[in-house]
C-alpha cells in the first residue's frame, strides 16, 4: 500500500505546489493526488516543474477529477507525468430519471472505454469513485459496463467518508462496517480516500476526529490484500496562514494515525517490508 495525500485543499489556499510536494514527501508520503483540472490551469512552466518534482522524488501521482475533462487533455498529462502516473479516477455522473437518481453509465462508459486505450499505452489504472460499489449495482449496470470488465486496469475508488455517510443515512448500508463493505466490492479496489466525519456530512476531518471505525477500515483492507493507494483528504479550516499550518499538522498526524493502525493489522497476517511511503 502506498500512502498519498490530496493536494487540492492546500493548493486552493495558494501554497506553491512544488514546495508542498517536497514538504509532504519529507513527511513520509509516497505520492500525491491532484485534480487534473488544477494541473491544466497551471502555466506550462509550473506544470513541468510539478512533473519534475514528483519524478525526482519518485512519487506516485493519482489524478482525480470529473468526466468533463477532455480525454486529449488527460493524454497530455499522462505524457508529462510518465511512469509516475498510477491512477486516474473520476467523480461519478448521476442523473434524474422517472425512476429517480441513477448513475449515468451511458455517459461514463464510452468515456472510460476511450480512456482504456490511454491506460494500455501509459500503464495506469482507472475507475470511478464509489461505483459500482456493490454486486447489485454491478448487475444493474452490467450492460453498459461489460466492455470495461475485461480490462485488468479498470477498478473502483472508495471514499470511506462517503461510506460513513451512507451507513448513517441509507437503510441499505445500516449495520454494515467498512470491513464487510470492502469484502463485497465487485471490482478491484484501486484507491481509498481517507478522511473522517460525523456521518451527517462529508466534513473531511482528520482521521480519528469523527465516527469512522478506522480499525475496521485497516482490517478490511488487509483481508482483501489491498496494495493500492490510500489517499488522505483533509480540508483546511480557518484563516489562510493558520489554515495551512493546521492542515499540514492534521495531514501528518492523520498519516501517523493510519500507519499505526495498519502496522497493528499487518502483525496479524502476512506482510512485507516496504520502502518509505509504503505500508
Foldseek 3Di string as FASTA:
>chain_A
DFEEAECVQLVVLVDQPLVVLVVVVVLQGQAYEYALVVLVPDDPVSNLSNLVSCVVSVHAYEHEEAPVDDLVSVLVSLVSNAQSYAEYEYEFDWDQDPVGIDTPLVSVLVSVVVVVVSCVVRVYAYEYEPPPQAPVRCVVCVVSCVVVVVDLRYFYEYEVLVLLLCCVPPPVNPPPALLNSLVGGPGQYAEYEDAAAASNDSQLHQPPPYDHDVLSNLLSCVVVVDFHYYYRYHRFDDDSVVSSVVRVVSVSVSVVVNVVSNVVNCVVDPDDDDDRRGD
